[in-house]
Amino acid sequence: MNTLRKKPRIVPGLTLLLFAIALSACGTTYSQAQNAEVLVDNAGRTVYIFDNDTANSGESACYDGCARAWPPVPADSMPGAGTLTRTDGFRQAVHDGLPLYYFAGDQTPGDRTGDGLNDVWHVVPQAAPTSRRSTRGYGGY
């Protein structure tokens, strides 16, 4: 007897829901932009790392003019992320030991216009955030 089987149908919303459930089961509470593989805050805004920061140092290398262009991500906007206290007392979110920043040029959640700027600013890939770090220790904002 010859029976036809229907192809399984992938439902995008269901796939995203299942992915979110899998993330929560792993204890990760970061949000994820739709159809993205980069780290975002709980409002869907892209976050960045800065090559001039040193992982696990507990310090940020971005202040003054740099921090105006690259505002530090508040610790409370990324539940489950690590934190550091900046010299001004601001509690900044940290991922994989690296301080996280927004880019002032990003206008809407999901924008990634700061990725690769000056070869020292990078979006944070979900899998390996430190794999894109440059060996250069100069440049900036």
N, C-alpha and C. Protein backbone atom coordinates (compact mmCIF):
# COMPACT_ATOMS: atom_id res chain seq x y z
N MET A 1 0.84 -1.16 0.00
CA MET A 1 0.00 0.00 0.00
C MET A 1 0.90 1.24 0.00
N ASN A 2 0.65 2.15 -0.88
CA ASN A 2 1.47 3.33 -1.07
C ASN A 2 0.79 4.53 -0.41
N THR A 3 1.35 5.00 0.68
CA THR A 3 0.77 6.17 1.34
C THR A 3 1.74 7.34 1.20
N LEU A 4 1.19 8.49 0.97
CA LEU A 4 2.00 9.70 0.86
C LEU A 4 2.17 10.33 2.23
N ARG A 5 3.36 10.73 2.50
CA ARG A 5 3.63 11.41 3.76
C ARG A 5 3.74 12.90 3.50
N LYS A 6 3.19 13.66 4.39
CA LYS A 6 3.32 15.11 4.28
C LYS A 6 4.69 15.52 4.81
N LYS A 7 5.27 16.52 4.16
CA LYS A 7 6.52 17.07 4.65
C LYS A 7 6.24 17.83 5.94
N PRO A 8 7.14 17.72 6.90
CA PRO A 8 6.92 18.51 8.12
C PRO A 8 6.99 20.00 7.78
N ARG A 9 6.13 20.77 8.39
CA ARG A 9 6.09 22.20 8.15
C ARG A 9 6.77 22.91 9.30
N ILE A 10 7.71 23.78 8.98
CA ILE A 10 8.41 24.53 10.02
C ILE A 10 7.65 25.81 10.26
N VAL A 11 7.27 26.03 11.49
CA VAL A 11 6.53 27.22 11.88
C VAL A 11 7.51 28.17 12.56
N PRO A 12 7.83 29.33 11.93
CA PRO A 12 8.86 30.22 12.48
C PRO A 12 8.61 30.61 13.93
N GLY A 13 7.40 30.99 14.28
CA GLY A 13 7.10 31.39 15.65
C GLY A 13 7.34 30.25 16.63
N LEU A 14 6.94 29.05 16.23
CA LEU A 14 7.12 27.89 17.09
C LEU A 14 8.61 27.58 17.26
N THR A 15 9.37 27.70 16.18
CA THR A 15 10.81 27.46 16.25
C THR A 15 11.45 28.44 17.23
N LEU A 16 11.09 29.72 17.15
CA LEU A 16 11.64 30.73 18.05
C LEU A 16 11.24 30.43 19.49
N LEU A 17 9.98 30.02 19.70
CA LEU A 17 9.51 29.68 21.04
C LEU A 17 10.30 28.50 21.61
N LEU A 18 10.50 27.47 20.80
CA LEU A 18 11.25 26.31 21.26
C LEU A 18 12.70 26.69 21.59
N PHE A 19 13.28 27.57 20.77
CA PHE A 19 14.63 28.03 21.03
C PHE A 19 14.69 28.79 22.35
N ALA A 20 13.70 29.65 22.60
CA ALA A 20 13.66 30.42 23.85
C ALA A 20 13.54 29.48 25.05
N ILE A 21 12.73 28.44 24.92
CA ILE A 21 12.57 27.46 26.00
C ILE A 21 13.89 26.75 26.25
N ALA A 22 14.58 26.39 25.17
CA ALA A 22 15.87 25.71 25.31
C ALA A 22 16.88 26.62 26.00
N LEU A 23 16.89 27.91 25.65
CA LEU A 23 17.81 28.84 26.30
C LEU A 23 17.51 28.97 27.78
N SER A 24 16.22 29.08 28.12
CA SER A 24 15.88 29.24 29.53
C SER A 24 16.24 28.00 30.32
N ALA A 25 16.15 26.84 29.71
CA ALA A 25 16.52 25.61 30.39
C ALA A 25 18.02 25.57 30.69
N CYS A 26 18.80 26.29 29.88
CA CYS A 26 20.26 26.32 30.09
C CYS A 26 20.65 27.41 31.07
N GLY A 27 19.68 28.20 31.54
CA GLY A 27 19.97 29.25 32.49
C GLY A 27 20.35 30.56 31.83
N THR A 28 20.35 30.65 30.51
CA THR A 28 20.67 31.89 29.83
C THR A 28 19.41 32.73 29.76
N THR A 29 19.49 33.99 30.22
CA THR A 29 18.31 34.83 30.20
C THR A 29 18.46 36.02 29.27
N TYR A 30 19.49 36.03 28.45
CA TYR A 30 19.65 37.10 27.48
C TYR A 30 18.54 36.99 26.44
N SER A 31 18.14 38.13 25.90
CA SER A 31 17.17 38.13 24.81
C SER A 31 17.90 37.86 23.51
N GLN A 32 17.15 37.54 22.49
CA GLN A 32 17.75 37.34 21.18
C GLN A 32 16.89 38.01 20.13
N ALA A 33 17.51 38.85 19.28
CA ALA A 33 16.77 39.52 18.22
C ALA A 33 16.24 38.48 17.24
N GLN A 34 15.10 38.81 16.65
CA GLN A 34 14.50 37.88 15.70
C GLN A 34 15.48 37.59 14.56
N ASN A 35 15.63 36.32 14.23
CA ASN A 35 16.50 35.87 13.15
C ASN A 35 17.95 36.33 13.32
N ALA A 36 18.41 36.42 14.55
CA ALA A 36 19.77 36.90 14.79
C ALA A 36 20.56 35.87 15.56
N GLU A 37 21.86 35.99 15.48
CA GLU A 37 22.73 35.12 16.24
C GLU A 37 23.68 35.93 17.10
N VAL A 38 23.29 37.17 17.38
CA VAL A 38 24.12 38.03 18.22
C VAL A 38 23.40 38.33 19.52
N LEU A 39 24.17 38.68 20.52
CA LEU A 39 23.63 38.99 21.83
C LEU A 39 22.94 40.35 21.79
N VAL A 40 21.77 40.42 22.41
CA VAL A 40 21.02 41.67 22.53
C VAL A 40 20.55 41.81 23.97
N ASP A 41 20.16 43.03 24.35
CA ASP A 41 19.63 43.22 25.70
C ASP A 41 18.16 42.79 25.75
N ASN A 42 17.51 43.00 26.90
CA ASN A 42 16.13 42.54 27.04
C ASN A 42 15.13 43.36 26.22
N ALA A 43 15.58 44.44 25.59
CA ALA A 43 14.72 45.22 24.69
C ALA A 43 15.05 44.95 23.22
N GLY A 44 15.97 44.02 22.97
CA GLY A 44 16.33 43.68 21.60
C GLY A 44 17.42 44.55 21.00
N ARG A 45 18.04 45.42 21.80
CA ARG A 45 19.12 46.28 21.29
C ARG A 45 20.42 45.50 21.23
N THR A 46 21.12 45.65 20.14
CA THR A 46 22.40 44.98 19.93
C THR A 46 23.43 45.50 20.93
N VAL A 47 24.23 44.59 21.46
CA VAL A 47 25.32 44.98 22.35
C VAL A 47 26.66 44.64 21.69
N TYR A 48 27.68 45.36 22.10
CA TYR A 48 29.00 45.27 21.47
C TYR A 48 30.09 45.05 22.51
N ILE A 49 31.22 44.54 22.05
CA ILE A 49 32.43 44.47 22.85
C ILE A 49 33.48 45.36 22.19
N PHE A 50 34.46 45.76 22.98
CA PHE A 50 35.51 46.69 22.58
C PHE A 50 36.86 45.99 22.73
N ASP A 51 37.64 45.95 21.66
CA ASP A 51 38.93 45.25 21.69
C ASP A 51 39.92 45.83 22.70
N ASN A 52 39.74 47.09 23.11
CA ASN A 52 40.67 47.67 24.07
C ASN A 52 40.37 47.25 25.51
N ASP A 53 39.25 46.57 25.73
CA ASP A 53 38.95 46.03 27.06
C ASP A 53 39.71 44.72 27.25
N THR A 54 40.04 44.43 28.49
CA THR A 54 40.71 43.18 28.84
C THR A 54 39.71 42.29 29.56
N ALA A 55 39.53 41.08 29.05
CA ALA A 55 38.58 40.14 29.65
C ALA A 55 38.93 39.87 31.11
N ASN A 56 37.89 39.83 31.92
CA ASN A 56 37.98 39.50 33.35
C ASN A 56 38.81 40.48 34.16
N SER A 57 39.04 41.69 33.65
CA SER A 57 39.80 42.68 34.41
C SER A 57 38.91 43.44 35.39
N GLY A 58 37.59 43.41 35.16
CA GLY A 58 36.68 44.16 36.02
C GLY A 58 36.68 45.65 35.72
N GLU A 59 37.26 46.02 34.57
CA GLU A 59 37.37 47.43 34.21
C GLU A 59 36.93 47.66 32.77
N SER A 60 36.48 48.88 32.51
CA SER A 60 36.14 49.30 31.15
C SER A 60 37.21 50.25 30.65
N ALA A 61 37.52 50.19 29.37
CA ALA A 61 38.48 51.10 28.76
C ALA A 61 37.78 52.23 28.01
N CYS A 62 36.47 52.37 28.18
CA CYS A 62 35.69 53.34 27.41
C CYS A 62 35.01 54.34 28.34
N TYR A 63 35.53 55.57 28.38
CA TYR A 63 34.98 56.65 29.19
C TYR A 63 34.91 57.92 28.34
N ASP A 64 34.33 58.96 28.89
CA ASP A 64 34.26 60.29 28.29
C ASP A 64 33.67 60.25 26.89
N GLY A 65 34.40 60.73 25.87
CA GLY A 65 33.88 60.76 24.50
C GLY A 65 33.55 59.38 23.98
N CYS A 66 34.36 58.42 24.35
CA CYS A 66 34.10 57.04 23.95
C CYS A 66 32.75 56.58 24.49
N ALA A 67 32.47 56.85 25.76
CA ALA A 67 31.23 56.40 26.39
C ALA A 67 30.01 57.15 25.86
N ARG A 68 30.21 58.35 25.30
CA ARG A 68 29.08 59.04 24.67
C ARG A 68 28.70 58.35 23.36
N ALA A 69 29.69 57.89 22.62
CA ALA A 69 29.42 57.17 21.36
C ALA A 69 29.06 55.71 21.62
N TRP A 70 29.58 55.16 22.69
CA TRP A 70 29.40 53.74 23.04
C TRP A 70 28.95 53.63 24.49
N PRO A 71 27.68 53.96 24.77
CA PRO A 71 27.20 53.92 26.15
C PRO A 71 27.30 52.51 26.75
N PRO A 72 27.73 52.43 28.01
CA PRO A 72 27.78 51.12 28.66
C PRO A 72 26.37 50.56 28.84
N VAL A 73 26.24 49.26 28.72
CA VAL A 73 24.95 48.58 28.89
C VAL A 73 24.68 48.45 30.39
N PRO A 74 23.53 48.97 30.86
CA PRO A 74 23.22 48.83 32.29
C PRO A 74 23.05 47.36 32.67
N ALA A 75 23.56 47.00 33.82
CA ALA A 75 23.51 45.60 34.28
C ALA A 75 22.09 45.08 34.33
N ASP A 76 21.12 45.91 34.70
CA ASP A 76 19.74 45.43 34.83
C ASP A 76 19.03 45.22 33.49
N SER A 77 19.65 45.60 32.38
CA SER A 77 19.03 45.38 31.08
C SER A 77 19.41 44.03 30.48
N MET A 78 20.27 43.28 31.19
CA MET A 78 20.70 41.97 30.73
C MET A 78 20.68 40.99 31.90
N PRO A 79 19.48 40.55 32.31
CA PRO A 79 19.40 39.62 33.43
C PRO A 79 20.27 38.39 33.17
N GLY A 80 21.01 37.99 34.16
CA GLY A 80 21.86 36.82 34.04
C GLY A 80 23.28 37.14 33.60
N ALA A 81 23.52 38.35 33.13
CA ALA A 81 24.87 38.74 32.72
C ALA A 81 25.70 39.06 33.95
N GLY A 82 27.01 39.01 33.80
CA GLY A 82 27.89 39.46 34.85
C GLY A 82 27.85 40.98 34.93
N THR A 83 28.48 41.55 35.93
CA THR A 83 28.51 43.00 36.06
C THR A 83 29.90 43.46 36.49
N LEU A 84 30.15 44.73 36.23
CA LEU A 84 31.32 45.40 36.78
C LEU A 84 30.85 46.78 37.21
N THR A 85 31.56 47.37 38.14
CA THR A 85 31.24 48.72 38.58
C THR A 85 32.28 49.65 38.00
N ARG A 86 31.82 50.59 37.18
CA ARG A 86 32.72 51.56 36.54
C ARG A 86 33.21 52.57 37.56
N THR A 87 34.24 53.34 37.21
CA THR A 87 34.81 54.32 38.15
C THR A 87 33.79 55.37 38.56
N ASP A 88 32.75 55.59 37.73
CA ASP A 88 31.70 56.55 38.08
C ASP A 88 30.58 55.91 38.90
N GLY A 89 30.71 54.63 39.26
CA GLY A 89 29.72 53.93 40.06
C GLY A 89 28.65 53.22 39.26
N PHE A 90 28.60 53.41 37.95
CA PHE A 90 27.60 52.78 37.09
C PHE A 90 27.88 51.28 37.01
N ARG A 91 26.82 50.46 37.15
CA ARG A 91 26.97 49.01 37.06
C ARG A 91 26.72 48.59 35.61
N GLN A 92 27.77 48.09 34.96
CA GLN A 92 27.76 47.73 33.55
C GLN A 92 27.66 46.22 33.37
N ALA A 93 26.87 45.80 32.38
CA ALA A 93 26.73 44.38 32.06
C ALA A 93 28.02 43.86 31.43
N VAL A 94 28.33 42.60 31.73
CA VAL A 94 29.54 41.94 31.24
C VAL A 94 29.15 40.58 30.69
N HIS A 95 29.76 40.18 29.58
CA HIS A 95 29.54 38.85 29.00
C HIS A 95 30.90 38.24 28.70
N ASP A 96 31.13 37.03 29.17
CA ASP A 96 32.41 36.36 28.99
C ASP A 96 33.57 37.21 29.48
N GLY A 97 33.35 37.94 30.57
CA GLY A 97 34.38 38.77 31.17
C GLY A 97 34.61 40.10 30.49
N LEU A 98 33.85 40.40 29.42
CA LEU A 98 34.03 41.65 28.68
C LEU A 98 32.87 42.61 28.90
N PRO A 99 33.16 43.89 29.18
CA PRO A 99 32.10 44.88 29.32
C PRO A 99 31.30 45.00 28.01
N LEU A 100 30.01 45.28 28.15
CA LEU A 100 29.13 45.41 27.00
C LEU A 100 28.72 46.86 26.79
N TYR A 101 28.55 47.24 25.52
CA TYR A 101 28.22 48.61 25.15
C TYR A 101 27.11 48.62 24.10
N TYR A 102 26.40 49.74 24.04
CA TYR A 102 25.51 50.03 22.92
C TYR A 102 26.28 50.90 21.96
N PHE A 103 25.77 51.08 20.75
CA PHE A 103 26.32 52.05 19.82
C PHE A 103 25.30 53.16 19.65
N ALA A 104 25.69 54.40 19.88
CA ALA A 104 24.77 55.54 19.79
C ALA A 104 24.16 55.67 18.39
N GLY A 105 24.82 55.15 17.38
CA GLY A 105 24.31 55.23 16.01
C GLY A 105 23.21 54.24 15.69
N ASP A 106 23.00 53.24 16.54
CA ASP A 106 21.91 52.29 16.32
C ASP A 106 20.61 52.98 16.69
N GLN A 107 19.65 52.95 15.78
CA GLN A 107 18.39 53.66 15.99
C GLN A 107 17.26 52.79 16.53
N THR A 108 17.22 51.52 16.11
CA THR A 108 16.12 50.65 16.51
C THR A 108 16.67 49.31 16.97
N PRO A 109 15.88 48.59 17.77
CA PRO A 109 16.33 47.25 18.18
C PRO A 109 16.70 46.40 16.96
N GLY A 110 17.79 45.70 17.07
CA GLY A 110 18.25 44.86 15.97
C GLY A 110 19.26 45.53 15.06
N ASP A 111 19.39 46.87 15.13
CA ASP A 111 20.41 47.55 14.32
C ASP A 111 21.79 47.06 14.76
N ARG A 112 22.71 46.99 13.80
CA ARG A 112 24.09 46.55 14.07
C ARG A 112 25.08 47.45 13.35
N THR A 113 24.79 48.74 13.32
CA THR A 113 25.60 49.65 12.52
C THR A 113 27.00 49.88 13.10
N GLY A 114 27.21 49.50 14.36
CA GLY A 114 28.53 49.69 14.95
C GLY A 114 29.48 48.53 14.76
N ASP A 115 28.99 47.43 14.20
CA ASP A 115 29.82 46.23 14.07
C ASP A 115 31.01 46.49 13.15
N GLY A 116 32.21 46.27 13.67
CA GLY A 116 33.43 46.41 12.88
C GLY A 116 33.98 47.82 12.82
N LEU A 117 33.33 48.79 13.46
CA LEU A 117 33.83 50.17 13.40
C LEU A 117 35.24 50.26 13.95
N ASN A 118 36.08 50.95 13.22
CA ASN A 118 37.49 51.15 13.57
C ASN A 118 38.22 49.84 13.87
N ASP A 119 37.65 48.75 13.41
CA ASP A 119 38.25 47.42 13.62
C ASP A 119 38.38 47.04 15.08
N VAL A 120 37.67 47.74 15.99
CA VAL A 120 37.78 47.42 17.41
C VAL A 120 36.44 47.22 18.11
N TRP A 121 35.32 47.47 17.41
CA TRP A 121 33.99 47.28 17.98
C TRP A 121 33.32 46.13 17.26
N HIS A 122 32.72 45.21 18.04
CA HIS A 122 32.14 44.02 17.44
C HIS A 122 30.83 43.64 18.13
N VAL A 123 29.88 43.14 17.33
CA VAL A 123 28.71 42.52 17.94
C VAL A 123 29.20 41.29 18.69
N VAL A 124 28.37 40.78 19.57
CA VAL A 124 28.76 39.63 20.38
C VAL A 124 28.07 38.39 19.84
N PRO A 125 28.80 37.53 19.15
CA PRO A 125 28.18 36.30 18.66
C PRO A 125 27.70 35.45 19.83
N GLN A 126 26.59 34.77 19.65
CA GLN A 126 26.04 33.92 20.71
C GLN A 126 27.01 32.82 21.12
N ALA A 127 27.72 32.23 20.17
CA ALA A 127 28.54 31.05 20.47
C ALA A 127 29.86 31.39 21.13
N ALA A 128 30.63 32.31 20.57
CA ALA A 128 31.98 32.55 21.07
C ALA A 128 32.33 34.03 20.99
N PRO A 129 31.91 34.83 21.98
CA PRO A 129 32.10 36.27 21.91
C PRO A 129 33.55 36.73 21.85
N THR A 130 34.49 35.96 22.36
CA THR A 130 35.87 36.44 22.35
C THR A 130 36.60 36.01 21.09
N SER A 131 35.98 35.23 20.22
CA SER A 131 36.68 34.73 19.05
C SER A 131 36.93 35.80 18.00
N ARG A 132 36.21 36.92 18.07
CA ARG A 132 36.37 37.97 17.08
C ARG A 132 37.29 39.08 17.55
N ARG A 133 37.84 38.95 18.72
CA ARG A 133 38.68 40.02 19.25
C ARG A 133 39.95 40.20 18.43
N SER A 134 40.28 41.42 18.19
CA SER A 134 41.48 41.77 17.45
C SER A 134 42.69 41.71 18.38
N THR A 135 43.87 41.61 17.81
CA THR A 135 45.08 41.65 18.63
C THR A 135 45.58 43.07 18.77
N ARG A 136 44.93 44.01 18.10
CA ARG A 136 45.35 45.40 18.20
C ARG A 136 44.90 46.00 19.52
N GLY A 137 45.70 46.85 20.09
CA GLY A 137 45.36 47.47 21.35
C GLY A 137 45.25 48.97 21.21
N TYR A 138 44.84 49.48 20.09
CA TYR A 138 44.72 50.91 19.87
C TYR A 138 43.43 51.20 19.13
N GLY A 139 43.20 52.47 18.86
CA GLY A 139 42.00 52.86 18.13
C GLY A 139 40.86 53.03 19.09
N GLY A 140 39.67 53.16 18.54
CA GLY A 140 38.58 53.25 19.48
C GLY A 140 37.31 53.80 18.93
N TYR A 141 37.04 55.02 19.20
CA TYR A 141 35.70 55.52 18.99
C TYR A 141 35.60 56.57 17.95
